[in-house]
Amino acid sequence: MSEELDRRLADLPREVGVLLVTIGVMGVALPGLVGTPALLAGGLMLWPRGFRSVDRWLARKCPGLHRHGAAQLVRYLDDMERRYPTTGRNSTTEVS
């Protein structure tokens, strides 16, 4: 699942990474929101070299939490792709 998540995160625009970091910070600061997976995914999108070691450490120390967070992000990305199908970097936008 981690390879699929890495591939899908690489295809998204950097603005989505900023959005995920923002959601992650809000989730850490506000009670009730789960922010760590979003913060980690946004960090992986914006700073892949720095956050890759954090991702590997989390997968090694807390594999269940890592799997749950990755599944949550895959559901979020599926929802984004369903709502906004042309948001990927490799897609073309037609103007009519």
PDB file of N, CA and C in Angstrom:
ATOM      1  N   MET A   1       0.834  -1.195   0.000  1.00  0.00           N
ATOM      2  CA  MET A   1       0.000   0.000   0.000  1.00  0.00           C
ATOM      3  C   MET A   1       0.872   1.248   0.000  1.00  0.00           C
ATOM      4  N   SER A   2       2.039   1.206   0.606  1.00  0.00           N
ATOM      5  CA  SER A   2       2.892   2.383   0.680  1.00  0.00           C
ATOM      6  C   SER A   2       3.398   2.790  -0.702  1.00  0.00           C
ATOM      7  N   GLU A   3       3.715   1.812  -1.558  1.00  0.00           N
ATOM      8  CA  GLU A   3       4.182   2.129  -2.905  1.00  0.00           C
ATOM      9  C   GLU A   3       3.065   2.790  -3.710  1.00  0.00           C
ATOM     10  N   GLU A   4       1.846   2.286  -3.571  1.00  0.00           N
ATOM     11  CA  GLU A   4       0.704   2.885  -4.266  1.00  0.00           C
ATOM     12  C   GLU A   4       0.486   4.321  -3.778  1.00  0.00           C
ATOM     13  N   LEU A   5       0.571   4.521  -2.491  1.00  0.00           N
ATOM     14  CA  LEU A   5       0.386   5.859  -1.930  1.00  0.00           C
ATOM     15  C   LEU A   5       1.484   6.803  -2.408  1.00  0.00           C
ATOM     16  N   ASP A   6       2.734   6.337  -2.441  1.00  0.00           N
ATOM     17  CA  ASP A   6       3.834   7.164  -2.934  1.00  0.00           C
ATOM     18  C   ASP A   6       3.612   7.564  -4.382  1.00  0.00           C
ATOM     19  N   ARG A   7       3.174   6.626  -5.209  1.00  0.00           N
ATOM     20  CA  ARG A   7       2.936   6.906  -6.624  1.00  0.00           C
ATOM     21  C   ARG A   7       1.826   7.928  -6.798  1.00  0.00           C
ATOM     22  N   ARG A   8       0.739   7.753  -6.047  1.00  0.00           N
ATOM     23  CA  ARG A   8      -0.404   8.655  -6.167  1.00  0.00           C
ATOM     24  C   ARG A   8      -0.078  10.046  -5.641  1.00  0.00           C
ATOM     25  N   LEU A   9       0.700  10.134  -4.566  1.00  0.00           N
ATOM     26  CA  LEU A   9       1.092  11.437  -4.045  1.00  0.00           C
ATOM     27  C   LEU A   9       2.018  12.168  -5.013  1.00  0.00           C
ATOM     28  N   ALA A  10       2.858  11.422  -5.732  1.00  0.00           N
ATOM     29  CA  ALA A  10       3.764  12.051  -6.694  1.00  0.00           C
ATOM     30  C   ALA A  10       3.001  12.652  -7.874  1.00  0.00           C
ATOM     31  N   ASP A  11       1.815  12.119  -8.185  1.00  0.00           N
ATOM     32  CA  ASP A  11       1.030  12.606  -9.317  1.00  0.00           C
ATOM     33  C   ASP A  11       0.197  13.844  -8.991  1.00  0.00           C
ATOM     34  N   LEU A  12       0.081  14.193  -7.731  1.00  0.00           N
ATOM     35  CA  LEU A  12      -0.758  15.320  -7.344  1.00  0.00           C
ATOM     36  C   LEU A  12       0.005  16.641  -7.425  1.00  0.00           C
ATOM     37  N   PRO A  13      -0.705  17.741  -7.664  1.00  0.00           N
ATOM     38  CA  PRO A  13      -0.039  19.047  -7.673  1.00  0.00           C
ATOM     39  C   PRO A  13       0.437  19.435  -6.275  1.00  0.00           C
ATOM     40  N   ARG A  14       1.420  20.319  -6.220  1.00  0.00           N
ATOM     41  CA  ARG A  14       1.992  20.740  -4.940  1.00  0.00           C
ATOM     42  C   ARG A  14       0.983  21.468  -4.065  1.00  0.00           C
ATOM     43  N   GLU A  15      -0.036  22.061  -4.659  1.00  0.00           N
ATOM     44  CA  GLU A  15      -1.062  22.749  -3.873  1.00  0.00           C
ATOM     45  C   GLU A  15      -1.783  21.775  -2.948  1.00  0.00           C
ATOM     46  N   VAL A  16      -1.946  20.546  -3.407  1.00  0.00           N
ATOM     47  CA  VAL A  16      -2.586  19.530  -2.566  1.00  0.00           C
ATOM     48  C   VAL A  16      -1.680  19.203  -1.384  1.00  0.00           C
ATOM     49  N   GLY A  17      -0.370  19.218  -1.589  1.00  0.00           N
ATOM     50  CA  GLY A  17       0.565  19.011  -0.487  1.00  0.00           C
ATOM     51  C   GLY A  17       0.440  20.093   0.567  1.00  0.00           C
ATOM     52  N   VAL A  18       0.299  21.341   0.113  1.00  0.00           N
ATOM     53  CA  VAL A  18       0.105  22.453   1.056  1.00  0.00           C
ATOM     54  C   VAL A  18      -1.205  22.266   1.809  1.00  0.00           C
ATOM     55  N   LEU A  19      -2.257  21.850   1.097  1.00  0.00           N
ATOM     56  CA  LEU A  19      -3.551  21.591   1.740  1.00  0.00           C
ATOM     57  C   LEU A  19      -3.433  20.490   2.782  1.00  0.00           C
ATOM     58  N   LEU A  20      -2.731  19.404   2.462  1.00  0.00           N
ATOM     59  CA  LEU A  20      -2.568  18.308   3.416  1.00  0.00           C
ATOM     60  C   LEU A  20      -1.764  18.737   4.640  1.00  0.00           C
ATOM     61  N   VAL A  21      -0.721  19.539   4.441  1.00  0.00           N
ATOM     62  CA  VAL A  21       0.049  20.026   5.591  1.00  0.00           C
ATOM     63  C   VAL A  21      -0.827  20.910   6.468  1.00  0.00           C
ATOM     64  N   THR A  22      -1.635  21.758   5.843  1.00  0.00           N
ATOM     65  CA  THR A  22      -2.537  22.630   6.609  1.00  0.00           C
ATOM     66  C   THR A  22      -3.539  21.808   7.410  1.00  0.00           C
ATOM     67  N   ILE A  23      -4.135  20.815   6.770  1.00  0.00           N
ATOM     68  CA  ILE A  23      -5.072  19.929   7.479  1.00  0.00           C
ATOM     69  C   ILE A  23      -4.361  19.196   8.605  1.00  0.00           C
ATOM     70  N   GLY A  24      -3.139  18.755   8.349  1.00  0.00           N
ATOM     71  CA  GLY A  24      -2.377  18.049   9.376  1.00  0.00           C
ATOM     72  C   GLY A  24      -2.076  18.920  10.577  1.00  0.00           C
ATOM     73  N   VAL A  25      -1.673  20.162  10.337  1.00  0.00           N
ATOM     74  CA  VAL A  25      -1.383  21.081  11.446  1.00  0.00           C
ATOM     75  C   VAL A  25      -2.654  21.361  12.239  1.00  0.00           C
ATOM     76  N   MET A  26      -3.767  21.573  11.525  1.00  0.00           N
ATOM     77  CA  MET A  26      -5.039  21.792  12.226  1.00  0.00           C
ATOM     78  C   MET A  26      -5.433  20.557  13.020  1.00  0.00           C
ATOM     79  N   GLY A  27      -5.187  19.387  12.456  1.00  0.00           N
ATOM     80  CA  GLY A  27      -5.540  18.150  13.147  1.00  0.00           C
ATOM     81  C   GLY A  27      -4.707  17.905  14.387  1.00  0.00           C
ATOM     82  N   VAL A  28      -3.466  18.360  14.370  1.00  0.00           N
ATOM     83  CA  VAL A  28      -2.622  18.212  15.554  1.00  0.00           C
ATOM     84  C   VAL A  28      -3.031  19.236  16.608  1.00  0.00           C
ATOM     85  N   ALA A  29      -3.396  20.444  16.162  1.00  0.00           N
ATOM     86  CA  ALA A  29      -3.715  21.519  17.095  1.00  0.00           C
ATOM     87  C   ALA A  29      -5.132  21.420  17.665  1.00  0.00           C
ATOM     88  N   LEU A  30      -6.093  20.980  16.862  1.00  0.00           N
ATOM     89  CA  LEU A  30      -7.484  20.934  17.305  1.00  0.00           C
ATOM     90  C   LEU A  30      -7.878  19.523  17.724  1.00  0.00           C
ATOM     91  N   PRO A  31      -8.634  19.389  18.786  1.00  0.00           N
ATOM     92  CA  PRO A  31      -9.075  18.055  19.194  1.00  0.00           C
ATOM     93  C   PRO A  31     -10.143  17.517  18.233  1.00  0.00           C
ATOM     94  N   GLY A  32     -10.113  16.228  18.033  1.00  0.00           N
ATOM     95  CA  GLY A  32     -11.143  15.593  17.214  1.00  0.00           C
ATOM     96  C   GLY A  32     -10.726  15.320  15.785  1.00  0.00           C
ATOM     97  N   LEU A  33      -9.734  16.042  15.272  1.00  0.00           N
ATOM     98  CA  LEU A  33      -9.258  15.803  13.912  1.00  0.00           C
ATOM     99  C   LEU A  33      -8.022  14.925  13.961  1.00  0.00           C
ATOM    100  N   VAL A  34      -7.928  14.000  13.014  1.00  0.00           N
ATOM    101  CA  VAL A  34      -6.734  13.162  12.919  1.00  0.00           C
ATOM    102  C   VAL A  34      -5.796  13.839  11.935  1.00  0.00           C
ATOM    103  N   GLY A  35      -4.726  14.441  12.430  1.00  0.00           N
ATOM    104  CA  GLY A  35      -3.877  15.243  11.578  1.00  0.00           C
ATOM    105  C   GLY A  35      -2.562  14.629  11.172  1.00  0.00           C
ATOM    106  N   THR A  36      -2.084  13.640  11.903  1.00  0.00           N
ATOM    107  CA  THR A  36      -0.765  13.090  11.621  1.00  0.00           C
ATOM    108  C   THR A  36      -0.658  12.483  10.221  1.00  0.00           C
ATOM    109  N   PRO A  37      -1.618  11.660   9.754  1.00  0.00           N
ATOM    110  CA  PRO A  37      -1.489  11.120   8.393  1.00  0.00           C
ATOM    111  C   PRO A  37      -1.477  12.208   7.320  1.00  0.00           C
ATOM    112  N   ALA A  38      -2.303  13.228   7.473  1.00  0.00           N
ATOM    113  CA  ALA A  38      -2.335  14.305   6.488  1.00  0.00           C
ATOM    114  C   ALA A  38      -1.038  15.112   6.527  1.00  0.00           C
ATOM    115  N   LEU A  39      -0.520  15.367   7.706  1.00  0.00           N
ATOM    116  CA  LEU A  39       0.735  16.098   7.844  1.00  0.00           C
ATOM    117  C   LEU A  39       1.883  15.313   7.212  1.00  0.00           C
ATOM    118  N   LEU A  40       1.910  14.019   7.445  1.00  0.00           N
ATOM    119  CA  LEU A  40       2.954  13.170   6.876  1.00  0.00           C
ATOM    120  C   LEU A  40       2.841  13.108   5.356  1.00  0.00           C
ATOM    121  N   ALA A  41       1.630  12.952   4.823  1.00  0.00           N
ATOM    122  CA  ALA A  41       1.449  12.888   3.372  1.00  0.00           C
ATOM    123  C   ALA A  41       1.811  14.215   2.712  1.00  0.00           C
ATOM    124  N   GLY A  42       1.390  15.313   3.298  1.00  0.00           N
ATOM    125  CA  GLY A  42       1.750  16.614   2.752  1.00  0.00           C
ATOM    126  C   GLY A  42       3.252  16.847   2.790  1.00  0.00           C
ATOM    127  N   GLY A  43       3.869  16.432   3.872  1.00  0.00           N
ATOM    128  CA  GLY A  43       5.329  16.539   3.958  1.00  0.00           C
ATOM    129  C   GLY A  43       6.028  15.686   2.926  1.00  0.00           C
ATOM    130  N   LEU A  44       5.513  14.476   2.686  1.00  0.00           N
ATOM    131  CA  LEU A  44       6.095  13.611   1.663  1.00  0.00           C
ATOM    132  C   LEU A  44       5.969  14.230   0.274  1.00  0.00           C
ATOM    133  N   MET A  45       4.870  14.946   0.028  1.00  0.00           N
ATOM    134  CA  MET A  45       4.683  15.584  -1.277  1.00  0.00           C
ATOM    135  C   MET A  45       5.604  16.779  -1.443  1.00  0.00           C
ATOM    136  N   LEU A  46       5.740  17.591  -0.407  1.00  0.00           N
ATOM    137  CA  LEU A  46       6.505  18.831  -0.520  1.00  0.00           C
ATOM    138  C   LEU A  46       8.001  18.642  -0.280  1.00  0.00           C
ATOM    139  N   TRP A  47       8.366  17.754   0.653  1.00  0.00           N
ATOM    140  CA  TRP A  47       9.759  17.514   0.999  1.00  0.00           C
ATOM    141  C   TRP A  47      10.000  16.004   1.068  1.00  0.00           C
ATOM    142  N   PRO A  48      10.036  15.324  -0.078  1.00  0.00           N
ATOM    143  CA  PRO A  48      10.111  13.861  -0.058  1.00  0.00           C
ATOM    144  C   PRO A  48      11.351  13.305   0.636  1.00  0.00           C
ATOM    145  N   ARG A  49      12.500  13.921   0.450  1.00  0.00           N
ATOM    146  CA  ARG A  49      13.718  13.375   1.047  1.00  0.00           C
ATOM    147  C   ARG A  49      13.671  13.444   2.574  1.00  0.00           C
ATOM    148  N   GLY A  50      13.205  14.544   3.126  1.00  0.00           N
ATOM    149  CA  GLY A  50      13.170  14.707   4.573  1.00  0.00           C
ATOM    150  C   GLY A  50      12.110  13.861   5.260  1.00  0.00           C
ATOM    151  N   PHE A  51      10.961  13.732   4.640  1.00  0.00           N
ATOM    152  CA  PHE A  51       9.863  13.017   5.289  1.00  0.00           C
ATOM    153  C   PHE A  51       9.889  11.512   5.027  1.00  0.00           C
ATOM    154  N   ARG A  52      10.674  11.046   4.068  1.00  0.00           N
ATOM    155  CA  ARG A  52      10.733   9.611   3.784  1.00  0.00           C
ATOM    156  C   ARG A  52      11.252   8.849   4.995  1.00  0.00           C
ATOM    157  N   SER A  53      12.243   9.405   5.693  1.00  0.00           N
ATOM    158  CA  SER A  53      12.778   8.721   6.873  1.00  0.00           C
ATOM    159  C   SER A  53      11.738   8.700   8.002  1.00  0.00           C
ATOM    160  N   VAL A  54      10.945   9.765   8.128  1.00  0.00           N
ATOM    161  CA  VAL A  54       9.876   9.788   9.137  1.00  0.00           C
ATOM    162  C   VAL A  54       8.830   8.738   8.804  1.00  0.00           C
ATOM    163  N   ASP A  55       8.507   8.610   7.526  1.00  0.00           N
ATOM    164  CA  ASP A  55       7.532   7.615   7.089  1.00  0.00           C
ATOM    165  C   ASP A  55       8.033   6.194   7.383  1.00  0.00           C
ATOM    166  N   ARG A  56       9.285   5.933   7.089  1.00  0.00           N
ATOM    167  CA  ARG A  56       9.847   4.600   7.355  1.00  0.00           C
ATOM    168  C   ARG A  56       9.899   4.309   8.850  1.00  0.00           C
ATOM    169  N   TRP A  57      10.265   5.321   9.652  1.00  0.00           N
ATOM    170  CA  TRP A  57      10.320   5.127  11.095  1.00  0.00           C
ATOM    171  C   TRP A  57       8.932   4.804  11.644  1.00  0.00           C
ATOM    172  N   LEU A  58       7.918   5.554  11.187  1.00  0.00           N
ATOM    173  CA  LEU A  58       6.552   5.312  11.648  1.00  0.00           C
ATOM    174  C   LEU A  58       6.064   3.927  11.222  1.00  0.00           C
ATOM    175  N   ALA A  59       6.388   3.515  10.002  1.00  0.00           N
ATOM    176  CA  ALA A  59       5.984   2.180   9.529  1.00  0.00           C
ATOM    177  C   ALA A  59       6.656   1.088  10.350  1.00  0.00           C
ATOM    178  N   ARG A  60       7.880   1.312  10.788  1.00  0.00           N
ATOM    179  CA  ARG A  60       8.596   0.303  11.573  1.00  0.00           C
ATOM    180  C   ARG A  60       8.121   0.268  13.025  1.00  0.00           C
ATOM    181  N   LYS A  61       7.903   1.438  13.629  1.00  0.00           N
ATOM    182  CA  LYS A  61       7.532   1.503  15.048  1.00  0.00           C
ATOM    183  C   LYS A  61       6.048   1.245  15.297  1.00  0.00           C
ATOM    184  N   CYS A  62       5.194   1.724  14.416  1.00  0.00           N
ATOM    185  CA  CYS A  62       3.740   1.591  14.587  1.00  0.00           C
ATOM    186  C   CYS A  62       3.107   1.137  13.268  1.00  0.00           C
ATOM    187  N   PRO A  63       3.286  -0.125  12.896  1.00  0.00           N
ATOM    188  CA  PRO A  63       2.797  -0.561  11.577  1.00  0.00           C
ATOM    189  C   PRO A  63       1.278  -0.462  11.437  1.00  0.00           C
ATOM    190  N   GLY A  64       0.540  -0.711  12.490  1.00  0.00           N
ATOM    191  CA  GLY A  64      -0.918  -0.612  12.417  1.00  0.00           C
ATOM    192  C   GLY A  64      -1.375   0.820  12.185  1.00  0.00           C
ATOM    193  N   LEU A  65      -0.779   1.751  12.898  1.00  0.00           N
ATOM    194  CA  LEU A  65      -1.097   3.168  12.725  1.00  0.00           C
ATOM    195  C   LEU A  65      -0.717   3.629  11.324  1.00  0.00           C
ATOM    196  N   HIS A  66       0.419   3.175  10.834  1.00  0.00           N
ATOM    197  CA  HIS A  66       0.868   3.549   9.491  1.00  0.00           C
ATOM    198  C   HIS A  66      -0.103   3.021   8.438  1.00  0.00           C
ATOM    199  N   ARG A  67      -0.511   1.761   8.557  1.00  0.00           N
ATOM    200  CA  ARG A  67      -1.477   1.177   7.605  1.00  0.00           C
ATOM    201  C   ARG A  67      -2.802   1.924   7.641  1.00  0.00           C
ATOM    202  N   HIS A  68      -3.278   2.225   8.848  1.00  0.00           N
ATOM    203  CA  HIS A  68      -4.546   2.937   8.992  1.00  0.00           C
ATOM    204  C   HIS A  68      -4.457   4.334   8.370  1.00  0.00           C
ATOM    205  N   GLY A  69      -3.381   5.031   8.628  1.00  0.00           N
ATOM    206  CA  GLY A  69      -3.202   6.368   8.047  1.00  0.00           C
ATOM    207  C   GLY A  69      -3.087   6.317   6.535  1.00  0.00           C
ATOM    208  N   ALA A  70      -2.359   5.323   6.011  1.00  0.00           N
ATOM    209  CA  ALA A  70      -2.230   5.184   4.563  1.00  0.00           C
ATOM    210  C   ALA A  70      -3.579   4.868   3.926  1.00  0.00           C
ATOM    211  N   ALA A  71      -4.368   4.011   4.559  1.00  0.00           N
ATOM    212  CA  ALA A  71      -5.700   3.690   4.032  1.00  0.00           C
ATOM    213  C   ALA A  71      -6.600   4.922   4.045  1.00  0.00           C
ATOM    214  N   GLN A  72      -6.488   5.724   5.093  1.00  0.00           N
ATOM    215  CA  GLN A  72      -7.280   6.953   5.178  1.00  0.00           C
ATOM    216  C   GLN A  72      -6.889   7.911   4.052  1.00  0.00           C
ATOM    217  N   LEU A  73      -5.599   8.037   3.780  1.00  0.00           N
ATOM    218  CA  LEU A  73      -5.153   8.923   2.707  1.00  0.00           C
ATOM    219  C   LEU A  73      -5.566   8.410   1.332  1.00  0.00           C
ATOM    220  N   VAL A  74      -5.528   7.103   1.123  1.00  0.00           N
ATOM    221  CA  VAL A  74      -5.972   6.543  -0.153  1.00  0.00           C
ATOM    222  C   VAL A  74      -7.461   6.825  -0.358  1.00  0.00           C
ATOM    223  N   ARG A  75      -8.259   6.708   0.695  1.00  0.00           N
ATOM    224  CA  ARG A  75      -9.691   7.056   0.577  1.00  0.00           C
ATOM    225  C   ARG A  75      -9.866   8.534   0.254  1.00  0.00           C
ATOM    226  N   TYR A  76      -9.076   9.394   0.889  1.00  0.00           N
ATOM    227  CA  TYR A  76      -9.138  10.828   0.620  1.00  0.00           C
ATOM    228  C   TYR A  76      -8.760  11.129  -0.832  1.00  0.00           C
ATOM    229  N   LEU A  77      -7.693  10.490  -1.317  1.00  0.00           N
ATOM    230  CA  LEU A  77      -7.271  10.713  -2.702  1.00  0.00           C
ATOM    231  C   LEU A  77      -8.293  10.175  -3.694  1.00  0.00           C
ATOM    232  N   ASP A  78      -8.907   9.024  -3.383  1.00  0.00           N
ATOM    233  CA  ASP A  78      -9.977   8.502  -4.242  1.00  0.00           C
ATOM    234  C   ASP A  78     -11.130   9.490  -4.332  1.00  0.00           C
ATOM    235  N   ASP A  79     -11.501  10.059  -3.202  1.00  0.00           N
ATOM    236  CA  ASP A  79     -12.589  11.036  -3.179  1.00  0.00           C
ATOM    237  C   ASP A  79     -12.223  12.284  -3.983  1.00  0.00           C
ATOM    238  N   MET A  80     -10.990  12.755  -3.838  1.00  0.00           N
ATOM    239  CA  MET A  80     -10.555  13.923  -4.608  1.00  0.00           C
ATOM    240  C   MET A  80     -10.567  13.642  -6.100  1.00  0.00           C
ATOM    241  N   GLU A  81     -10.089  12.460  -6.500  1.00  0.00           N
ATOM    242  CA  GLU A  81     -10.068  12.112  -7.920  1.00  0.00           C
ATOM    243  C   GLU A  81     -11.473  11.957  -8.479  1.00  0.00           C
ATOM    244  N   ARG A  82     -12.389  11.491  -7.660  1.00  0.00           N
ATOM    245  CA  ARG A  82     -13.772  11.346  -8.107  1.00  0.00           C
ATOM    246  C   ARG A  82     -14.438  12.713  -8.256  1.00  0.00           C
ATOM    247  N   ARG A  83     -14.164  13.620  -7.334  1.00  0.00           N
ATOM    248  CA  ARG A  83     -14.780  14.952  -7.387  1.00  0.00           C
ATOM    249  C   ARG A  83     -14.120  15.867  -8.410  1.00  0.00           C
ATOM    250  N   TYR A  84     -12.807  15.795  -8.500  1.00  0.00           N
ATOM    251  CA  TYR A  84     -12.038  16.680  -9.381  1.00  0.00           C
ATOM    252  C   TYR A  84     -11.121  15.829 -10.252  1.00  0.00           C
ATOM    253  N   PRO A  85     -11.650  15.233 -11.299  1.00  0.00           N
ATOM    254  CA  PRO A  85     -10.863  14.254 -12.063  1.00  0.00           C
ATOM    255  C   PRO A  85      -9.681  14.832 -12.827  1.00  0.00           C
ATOM    256  N   THR A  86      -9.593  16.125 -13.026  1.00  0.00           N
ATOM    257  CA  THR A  86      -8.489  16.690 -13.804  1.00  0.00           C
ATOM    258  C   THR A  86      -7.468  17.408 -12.942  1.00  0.00           C
ATOM    259  N   THR A  87      -7.332  17.053 -11.671  1.00  0.00           N
ATOM    260  CA  THR A  87      -6.409  17.766 -10.790  1.00  0.00           C
ATOM    261  C   THR A  87      -5.006  17.195 -10.811  1.00  0.00           C
ATOM    262  N   GLY A  88      -4.759  16.058 -11.449  1.00  0.00           N
ATOM    263  CA  GLY A  88      -3.428  15.473 -11.450  1.00  0.00           C
ATOM    264  C   GLY A  88      -2.455  16.251 -12.317  1.00  0.00           C
ATOM    265  N   ARG A  89      -1.172  16.085 -12.065  1.00  0.00           N
ATOM    266  CA  ARG A  89      -0.145  16.788 -12.832  1.00  0.00           C
ATOM    267  C   ARG A  89      -0.134  16.338 -14.292  1.00  0.00           C
ATOM    268  N   ASN A  90      -0.440  15.071 -14.538  1.00  0.00           N
ATOM    269  CA  ASN A  90      -0.350  14.531 -15.874  1.00  0.00           C
ATOM    270  C   ASN A  90      -1.622  14.727 -16.694  1.00  0.00           C
ATOM    271  N   SER A  91      -2.639  15.324 -16.126  1.00  0.00           N
ATOM    272  CA  SER A  91      -3.895  15.480 -16.842  1.00  0.00           C
ATOM    273  C   SER A  91      -3.905  16.798 -17.594  1.00  0.00           C
ATOM    274  N   THR A  92      -4.743  16.839 -18.618  1.00  0.00           N
ATOM    275  CA  THR A  92      -4.892  18.071 -19.402  1.00  0.00           C
ATOM    276  C   THR A  92      -6.262  18.632 -19.166  1.00  0.00           C
ATOM    277  N   THR A  93      -6.350  19.949 -19.139  1.00  0.00           N
ATOM    278  CA  THR A  93      -7.606  20.623 -18.913  1.00  0.00           C
ATOM    279  C   THR A  93      -8.065  21.222 -20.224  1.00  0.00           C
ATOM    280  N   GLU A  94      -9.288  20.915 -20.606  1.00  0.00           N
ATOM    281  CA  GLU A  94      -9.847  21.477 -21.829  1.00  0.00           C
ATOM    282  C   GLU A  94     -10.671  22.700 -21.477  1.00  0.00           C
ATOM    283  N   VAL A  95     -10.468  23.751 -22.235  1.00  0.00           N
ATOM    284  CA  VAL A  95     -11.236  24.972 -22.047  1.00  0.00           C
ATOM    285  C   VAL A  95     -12.207  25.087 -23.193  1.00  0.00           C
ATOM    286  N   SER A  96     -13.496  25.226 -22.878  1.00  0.00           N
ATOM    287  CA  SER A  96     -14.489  25.320 -23.967  1.00  0.00           C
ATOM    288  C   SER A  96     -15.035  26.715 -24.097  1.00  0.00           C
TER     289      SER A  96
END
